[in-house]
Amino acid sequence: MAQEGLSRAELIEASGLAAEQVDLAIDAGLVIPDDSGRFKEDAVTMLQAGSALVAVGVSVPDLAALAVRHARNVEAVVDEAVDLFLDAMGTEELTSNDLENLTPLVEALVPQVVALVGEHFRRTLLSRAAVRLAERVK
């Protein structure tokens, strides 16, 4: 049976980045291996996006620092979101049957949350970038 996901070496090869760059992204928590040490395919996309930012002049240390801050903030917000979901579902005490029944619900909610948060981030980024660029016009 073939393993799912990519090994670190396969991730490096698929992304086209140097091992040090991939390790920096892993250390920053941007790409995270699963319990077996393998990475999902979306890790390649994320690494290549970071590489594109570096290619236009964003410094690697600054990007890494921002990535670490982002990861920490996202983890805190995600923890709060999970608590909200659990409270809304009335999950103070669960049986194994409850867990089996709630797992599909959680899996159905995740894409909705990703769409909501992703669109909010995109809009905020575009809006703030426009304001900041306008501030630099002389």
N, C-alpha and C. Protein backbone atom coordinates (compact mmCIF):
# COMPACT_ATOMS: atom_id res chain seq x y z
N MET A 1 0.84 -1.18 0.00
CA MET A 1 0.00 0.00 0.00
C MET A 1 0.89 1.24 0.00
N ALA A 2 0.69 2.13 -0.97
CA ALA A 2 1.50 3.34 -1.07
C ALA A 2 1.06 4.34 0.00
N GLN A 3 2.06 5.05 0.53
CA GLN A 3 1.75 6.06 1.54
C GLN A 3 1.17 7.29 0.86
N GLU A 4 0.24 7.93 1.57
CA GLU A 4 -0.34 9.17 1.06
C GLU A 4 0.56 10.33 1.45
N GLY A 5 0.54 11.38 0.64
CA GLY A 5 1.33 12.56 0.94
C GLY A 5 2.76 12.43 0.47
N LEU A 6 3.52 13.46 0.80
CA LEU A 6 4.91 13.56 0.34
C LEU A 6 5.87 13.47 1.51
N SER A 7 6.97 12.80 1.29
CA SER A 7 8.05 12.82 2.28
C SER A 7 8.71 14.20 2.20
N ARG A 8 9.57 14.49 3.15
CA ARG A 8 10.29 15.78 3.12
C ARG A 8 11.08 15.90 1.82
N ALA A 9 11.77 14.83 1.43
CA ALA A 9 12.57 14.86 0.20
C ALA A 9 11.68 15.07 -1.03
N GLU A 10 10.53 14.42 -1.06
CA GLU A 10 9.60 14.59 -2.18
C GLU A 10 9.03 16.01 -2.19
N LEU A 11 8.78 16.57 -1.01
CA LEU A 11 8.28 17.94 -0.91
C LEU A 11 9.31 18.92 -1.46
N ILE A 12 10.56 18.72 -1.10
CA ILE A 12 11.64 19.58 -1.60
C ILE A 12 11.70 19.50 -3.12
N GLU A 13 11.66 18.29 -3.64
CA GLU A 13 11.74 18.11 -5.09
C GLU A 13 10.53 18.71 -5.80
N ALA A 14 9.34 18.46 -5.28
CA ALA A 14 8.12 18.95 -5.93
C ALA A 14 8.01 20.47 -5.88
N SER A 15 8.51 21.07 -4.80
CA SER A 15 8.41 22.53 -4.66
C SER A 15 9.46 23.26 -5.48
N GLY A 16 10.58 22.59 -5.74
CA GLY A 16 11.67 23.25 -6.45
C GLY A 16 12.50 24.16 -5.57
N LEU A 17 12.29 24.11 -4.26
CA LEU A 17 13.02 24.96 -3.32
C LEU A 17 14.19 24.21 -2.71
N ALA A 18 15.10 24.98 -2.14
CA ALA A 18 16.23 24.38 -1.42
C ALA A 18 15.72 23.78 -0.12
N ALA A 19 16.43 22.77 0.36
CA ALA A 19 16.05 22.11 1.61
C ALA A 19 15.95 23.09 2.76
N GLU A 20 16.86 24.07 2.80
CA GLU A 20 16.85 25.05 3.89
C GLU A 20 15.57 25.88 3.88
N GLN A 21 15.09 26.22 2.68
CA GLN A 21 13.87 27.01 2.58
C GLN A 21 12.65 26.19 3.04
N VAL A 22 12.62 24.95 2.65
CA VAL A 22 11.52 24.07 3.07
C VAL A 22 11.56 23.90 4.59
N ASP A 23 12.75 23.69 5.13
CA ASP A 23 12.87 23.53 6.58
C ASP A 23 12.44 24.78 7.33
N LEU A 24 12.71 25.93 6.76
CA LEU A 24 12.29 27.20 7.37
C LEU A 24 10.76 27.27 7.43
N ALA A 25 10.11 26.87 6.36
CA ALA A 25 8.64 26.87 6.33
C ALA A 25 8.07 25.85 7.32
N ILE A 26 8.73 24.72 7.45
CA ILE A 26 8.29 23.71 8.42
C ILE A 26 8.47 24.25 9.84
N ASP A 27 9.63 24.83 10.11
CA ASP A 27 9.90 25.38 11.44
C ASP A 27 8.94 26.50 11.79
N ALA A 28 8.50 27.27 10.79
CA ALA A 28 7.57 28.37 11.02
C ALA A 28 6.13 27.87 11.21
N GLY A 29 5.91 26.59 10.95
CA GLY A 29 4.57 26.03 11.11
C GLY A 29 3.65 26.26 9.93
N LEU A 30 4.23 26.67 8.80
CA LEU A 30 3.40 26.89 7.61
C LEU A 30 3.04 25.58 6.92
N VAL A 31 3.97 24.68 6.87
CA VAL A 31 3.70 23.35 6.35
C VAL A 31 4.00 22.37 7.47
N ILE A 32 3.03 21.52 7.73
CA ILE A 32 3.11 20.64 8.89
C ILE A 32 2.93 19.20 8.42
N PRO A 33 3.85 18.34 8.81
CA PRO A 33 3.68 16.93 8.43
C PRO A 33 2.57 16.29 9.26
N ASP A 34 2.00 15.22 8.73
CA ASP A 34 1.01 14.48 9.51
C ASP A 34 1.75 13.58 10.51
N ASP A 35 1.02 12.74 11.19
CA ASP A 35 1.62 11.89 12.22
C ASP A 35 2.68 10.93 11.69
N SER A 36 2.60 10.62 10.39
CA SER A 36 3.59 9.72 9.80
C SER A 36 4.77 10.48 9.19
N GLY A 37 4.77 11.82 9.34
CA GLY A 37 5.88 12.63 8.83
C GLY A 37 5.74 13.03 7.37
N ARG A 38 4.54 12.83 6.80
CA ARG A 38 4.34 13.15 5.40
C ARG A 38 3.52 14.44 5.27
N PHE A 39 3.65 15.09 4.11
CA PHE A 39 3.03 16.38 3.86
C PHE A 39 1.94 16.26 2.81
N LYS A 40 0.87 17.04 2.97
CA LYS A 40 -0.20 17.06 1.98
C LYS A 40 0.28 17.80 0.74
N GLU A 41 -0.39 17.55 -0.38
CA GLU A 41 -0.03 18.18 -1.65
C GLU A 41 -0.11 19.71 -1.60
N ASP A 42 -1.00 20.26 -0.76
CA ASP A 42 -1.13 21.71 -0.70
C ASP A 42 0.12 22.38 -0.14
N ALA A 43 0.98 21.62 0.50
CA ALA A 43 2.24 22.18 1.01
C ALA A 43 3.10 22.68 -0.15
N VAL A 44 3.04 22.00 -1.28
CA VAL A 44 3.81 22.43 -2.46
C VAL A 44 3.33 23.81 -2.90
N THR A 45 2.02 23.98 -2.99
CA THR A 45 1.45 25.27 -3.39
C THR A 45 1.87 26.37 -2.43
N MET A 46 1.81 26.08 -1.13
CA MET A 46 2.17 27.08 -0.13
C MET A 46 3.65 27.46 -0.25
N LEU A 47 4.50 26.48 -0.44
CA LEU A 47 5.94 26.77 -0.57
C LEU A 47 6.22 27.58 -1.82
N GLN A 48 5.58 27.23 -2.91
CA GLN A 48 5.80 27.97 -4.15
C GLN A 48 5.28 29.40 -4.05
N ALA A 49 4.18 29.61 -3.30
CA ALA A 49 3.67 30.96 -3.09
C ALA A 49 4.69 31.79 -2.30
N GLY A 50 5.26 31.20 -1.26
CA GLY A 50 6.30 31.89 -0.50
C GLY A 50 7.50 32.21 -1.37
N SER A 51 7.87 31.29 -2.21
CA SER A 51 9.00 31.50 -3.11
C SER A 51 8.72 32.65 -4.08
N ALA A 52 7.47 32.76 -4.55
CA ALA A 52 7.11 33.85 -5.46
C ALA A 52 7.24 35.20 -4.75
N LEU A 53 6.89 35.25 -3.48
CA LEU A 53 7.04 36.49 -2.72
C LEU A 53 8.50 36.87 -2.58
N VAL A 54 9.33 35.88 -2.31
CA VAL A 54 10.78 36.13 -2.18
C VAL A 54 11.34 36.59 -3.52
N ALA A 55 10.82 36.02 -4.61
CA ALA A 55 11.32 36.37 -5.94
C ALA A 55 11.07 37.84 -6.30
N VAL A 56 10.04 38.45 -5.69
CA VAL A 56 9.77 39.86 -5.98
C VAL A 56 10.38 40.79 -4.95
N GLY A 57 11.20 40.24 -4.06
CA GLY A 57 11.95 41.09 -3.15
C GLY A 57 11.63 41.01 -1.68
N VAL A 58 10.65 40.22 -1.29
CA VAL A 58 10.36 40.07 0.13
C VAL A 58 11.51 39.29 0.75
N SER A 59 12.05 39.80 1.85
CA SER A 59 13.20 39.12 2.46
C SER A 59 12.74 37.84 3.16
N VAL A 60 13.56 36.82 3.07
CA VAL A 60 13.25 35.53 3.69
C VAL A 60 13.09 35.68 5.20
N PRO A 61 14.01 36.36 5.91
CA PRO A 61 13.81 36.50 7.36
C PRO A 61 12.52 37.23 7.72
N ASP A 62 12.18 38.29 6.97
CA ASP A 62 10.94 39.01 7.25
C ASP A 62 9.72 38.14 6.96
N LEU A 63 9.76 37.42 5.87
CA LEU A 63 8.65 36.53 5.53
C LEU A 63 8.51 35.43 6.58
N ALA A 64 9.63 34.88 7.03
CA ALA A 64 9.60 33.83 8.05
C ALA A 64 9.02 34.37 9.36
N ALA A 65 9.43 35.57 9.75
CA ALA A 65 8.92 36.18 10.98
C ALA A 65 7.41 36.42 10.88
N LEU A 66 6.97 36.91 9.73
CA LEU A 66 5.54 37.12 9.52
C LEU A 66 4.78 35.79 9.55
N ALA A 67 5.37 34.77 8.95
CA ALA A 67 4.74 33.45 8.92
C ALA A 67 4.57 32.89 10.33
N VAL A 68 5.58 33.06 11.17
CA VAL A 68 5.50 32.57 12.55
C VAL A 68 4.39 33.31 13.30
N ARG A 69 4.36 34.65 13.16
CA ARG A 69 3.29 35.44 13.79
C ARG A 69 1.92 35.01 13.30
N HIS A 70 1.81 34.83 12.01
CA HIS A 70 0.54 34.41 11.42
C HIS A 70 0.11 33.04 11.97
N ALA A 71 1.05 32.10 11.99
CA ALA A 71 0.73 30.76 12.48
C ALA A 71 0.24 30.80 13.92
N ARG A 72 0.91 31.58 14.75
CA ARG A 72 0.49 31.68 16.16
C ARG A 72 -0.90 32.28 16.29
N ASN A 73 -1.15 33.35 15.54
CA ASN A 73 -2.47 33.98 15.59
C ASN A 73 -3.56 33.07 15.05
N VAL A 74 -3.27 32.38 13.96
CA VAL A 74 -4.26 31.47 13.38
C VAL A 74 -4.58 30.36 14.38
N GLU A 75 -3.58 29.81 15.02
CA GLU A 75 -3.83 28.74 15.98
C GLU A 75 -4.74 29.21 17.11
N ALA A 76 -4.52 30.43 17.60
CA ALA A 76 -5.36 30.96 18.68
C ALA A 76 -6.80 31.16 18.20
N VAL A 77 -6.98 31.70 17.00
CA VAL A 77 -8.32 31.92 16.47
C VAL A 77 -9.00 30.59 16.19
N VAL A 78 -8.26 29.63 15.65
CA VAL A 78 -8.84 28.31 15.38
C VAL A 78 -9.29 27.64 16.67
N ASP A 79 -8.50 27.75 17.73
CA ASP A 79 -8.90 27.18 19.01
C ASP A 79 -10.23 27.78 19.48
N GLU A 80 -10.37 29.11 19.34
CA GLU A 80 -11.62 29.77 19.72
C GLU A 80 -12.77 29.30 18.83
N ALA A 81 -12.51 29.15 17.54
CA ALA A 81 -13.56 28.70 16.62
C ALA A 81 -14.01 27.28 16.97
N VAL A 82 -13.08 26.42 17.27
CA VAL A 82 -13.44 25.05 17.65
C VAL A 82 -14.30 25.07 18.90
N ASP A 83 -13.92 25.89 19.88
CA ASP A 83 -14.73 25.99 21.10
C ASP A 83 -16.14 26.48 20.78
N LEU A 84 -16.27 27.45 19.86
CA LEU A 84 -17.59 27.93 19.46
C LEU A 84 -18.42 26.80 18.84
N PHE A 85 -17.79 26.02 17.95
CA PHE A 85 -18.50 24.91 17.31
C PHE A 85 -18.94 23.89 18.35
N LEU A 86 -18.03 23.55 19.23
CA LEU A 86 -18.36 22.54 20.25
C LEU A 86 -19.49 23.02 21.14
N ASP A 87 -19.44 24.28 21.54
CA ASP A 87 -20.51 24.84 22.38
C ASP A 87 -21.84 24.84 21.62
N ALA A 88 -21.81 25.22 20.35
CA ALA A 88 -23.03 25.27 19.55
C ALA A 88 -23.63 23.88 19.35
N MET A 89 -22.77 22.87 19.31
CA MET A 89 -23.24 21.50 19.11
C MET A 89 -23.60 20.82 20.43
N GLY A 90 -23.39 21.52 21.55
CA GLY A 90 -23.71 20.93 22.85
C GLY A 90 -22.89 19.70 23.14
N THR A 91 -21.59 19.84 23.06
CA THR A 91 -20.70 18.68 23.18
C THR A 91 -19.94 18.66 24.50
N GLU A 92 -20.65 18.94 25.60
CA GLU A 92 -19.97 18.90 26.91
C GLU A 92 -19.45 17.51 27.20
N GLU A 93 -20.29 16.52 26.97
CA GLU A 93 -19.88 15.13 27.19
C GLU A 93 -20.26 14.33 25.95
N LEU A 94 -19.30 13.60 25.44
CA LEU A 94 -19.52 12.84 24.21
C LEU A 94 -19.30 11.35 24.45
N THR A 95 -20.07 10.56 23.72
CA THR A 95 -19.81 9.13 23.66
C THR A 95 -19.11 8.88 22.33
N SER A 96 -18.60 7.68 22.15
CA SER A 96 -17.93 7.37 20.88
C SER A 96 -18.93 7.44 19.73
N ASN A 97 -20.20 7.11 19.97
CA ASN A 97 -21.22 7.24 18.92
C ASN A 97 -21.44 8.69 18.53
N ASP A 98 -21.44 9.58 19.54
CA ASP A 98 -21.58 11.02 19.26
C ASP A 98 -20.44 11.48 18.37
N LEU A 99 -19.25 11.04 18.69
CA LEU A 99 -18.07 11.46 17.93
C LEU A 99 -18.20 11.02 16.47
N GLU A 100 -18.64 9.79 16.25
CA GLU A 100 -18.84 9.29 14.88
C GLU A 100 -19.89 10.12 14.14
N ASN A 101 -20.94 10.52 14.84
CA ASN A 101 -22.02 11.30 14.20
C ASN A 101 -21.62 12.75 13.96
N LEU A 102 -20.78 13.32 14.82
CA LEU A 102 -20.40 14.72 14.69
C LEU A 102 -19.25 14.94 13.71
N THR A 103 -18.45 13.93 13.48
CA THR A 103 -17.31 14.08 12.58
C THR A 103 -17.73 14.54 11.19
N PRO A 104 -18.76 13.95 10.56
CA PRO A 104 -19.18 14.45 9.24
C PRO A 104 -19.66 15.91 9.30
N LEU A 105 -20.32 16.29 10.39
CA LEU A 105 -20.78 17.67 10.53
C LEU A 105 -19.60 18.63 10.58
N VAL A 106 -18.60 18.30 11.36
CA VAL A 106 -17.40 19.13 11.44
C VAL A 106 -16.73 19.21 10.08
N GLU A 107 -16.62 18.07 9.40
CA GLU A 107 -16.00 18.06 8.07
C GLU A 107 -16.78 18.90 7.07
N ALA A 108 -18.10 18.98 7.24
CA ALA A 108 -18.92 19.81 6.35
C ALA A 108 -18.77 21.30 6.69
N LEU A 109 -18.54 21.61 7.96
CA LEU A 109 -18.41 23.00 8.38
C LEU A 109 -17.06 23.60 8.00
N VAL A 110 -16.04 22.80 7.98
CA VAL A 110 -14.69 23.32 7.74
C VAL A 110 -14.58 24.09 6.43
N PRO A 111 -15.07 23.57 5.30
CA PRO A 111 -14.97 24.37 4.06
C PRO A 111 -15.71 25.70 4.14
N GLN A 112 -16.81 25.73 4.89
CA GLN A 112 -17.56 26.98 5.04
C GLN A 112 -16.74 28.01 5.82
N VAL A 113 -16.09 27.56 6.87
CA VAL A 113 -15.26 28.45 7.67
C VAL A 113 -14.06 28.92 6.86
N VAL A 114 -13.44 28.01 6.11
CA VAL A 114 -12.30 28.38 5.28
C VAL A 114 -12.72 29.43 4.25
N ALA A 115 -13.88 29.26 3.64
CA ALA A 115 -14.36 30.25 2.66
C ALA A 115 -14.60 31.59 3.32
N LEU A 116 -15.22 31.58 4.48
CA LEU A 116 -15.51 32.83 5.19
C LEU A 116 -14.24 33.55 5.59
N VAL A 117 -13.34 32.84 6.23
CA VAL A 117 -12.10 33.45 6.71
C VAL A 117 -11.19 33.82 5.54
N GLY A 118 -11.10 32.96 4.55
CA GLY A 118 -10.25 33.23 3.40
C GLY A 118 -10.70 34.46 2.63
N GLU A 119 -12.01 34.59 2.43
CA GLU A 119 -12.53 35.75 1.71
C GLU A 119 -12.33 37.02 2.52
N HIS A 120 -12.54 36.93 3.82
CA HIS A 120 -12.32 38.10 4.68
C HIS A 120 -10.86 38.53 4.62
N PHE A 121 -9.95 37.58 4.69
CA PHE A 121 -8.53 37.90 4.63
C PHE A 121 -8.18 38.54 3.28
N ARG A 122 -8.69 37.96 2.19
CA ARG A 122 -8.42 38.49 0.84
C ARG A 122 -8.90 39.93 0.72
N ARG A 123 -10.14 40.17 1.13
CA ARG A 123 -10.70 41.52 1.03
C ARG A 123 -9.93 42.51 1.90
N THR A 124 -9.62 42.10 3.11
CA THR A 124 -8.89 42.98 4.02
C THR A 124 -7.51 43.29 3.47
N LEU A 125 -6.83 42.29 2.94
CA LEU A 125 -5.51 42.48 2.37
C LEU A 125 -5.55 43.45 1.19
N LEU A 126 -6.50 43.27 0.29
CA LEU A 126 -6.62 44.17 -0.86
C LEU A 126 -6.95 45.59 -0.43
N SER A 127 -7.87 45.72 0.49
CA SER A 127 -8.27 47.05 0.96
C SER A 127 -7.12 47.77 1.67
N ARG A 128 -6.47 47.08 2.57
CA ARG A 128 -5.36 47.69 3.32
C ARG A 128 -4.17 47.99 2.40
N ALA A 129 -3.92 47.12 1.45
CA ALA A 129 -2.82 47.36 0.51
C ALA A 129 -3.09 48.61 -0.31
N ALA A 130 -4.34 48.78 -0.75
CA ALA A 130 -4.69 49.96 -1.54
C ALA A 130 -4.48 51.24 -0.73
N VAL A 131 -4.88 51.22 0.53
CA VAL A 131 -4.70 52.39 1.39
C VAL A 131 -3.22 52.67 1.61
N ARG A 132 -2.47 51.63 1.90
CA ARG A 132 -1.03 51.81 2.17
C ARG A 132 -0.28 52.28 0.94
N LEU A 133 -0.66 51.77 -0.23
CA LEU A 133 -0.03 52.23 -1.48
C LEU A 133 -0.36 53.69 -1.74
N ALA A 134 -1.61 54.08 -1.52
CA ALA A 134 -2.04 55.47 -1.72
C ALA A 134 -1.27 56.42 -0.81
N GLU A 135 -0.97 55.96 0.40
CA GLU A 135 -0.21 56.78 1.35
C GLU A 135 1.21 57.09 0.84
N ARG A 136 1.72 56.23 -0.02
CA ARG A 136 3.09 56.40 -0.51
C ARG A 136 3.17 57.22 -1.79
N VAL A 137 2.02 57.53 -2.37
CA VAL A 137 1.99 58.34 -3.59
C VAL A 137 2.27 59.79 -3.19
N LYS A 138 3.21 60.41 -3.93
CA LYS A 138 3.59 61.80 -3.62
C LYS A 138 2.92 62.76 -4.56
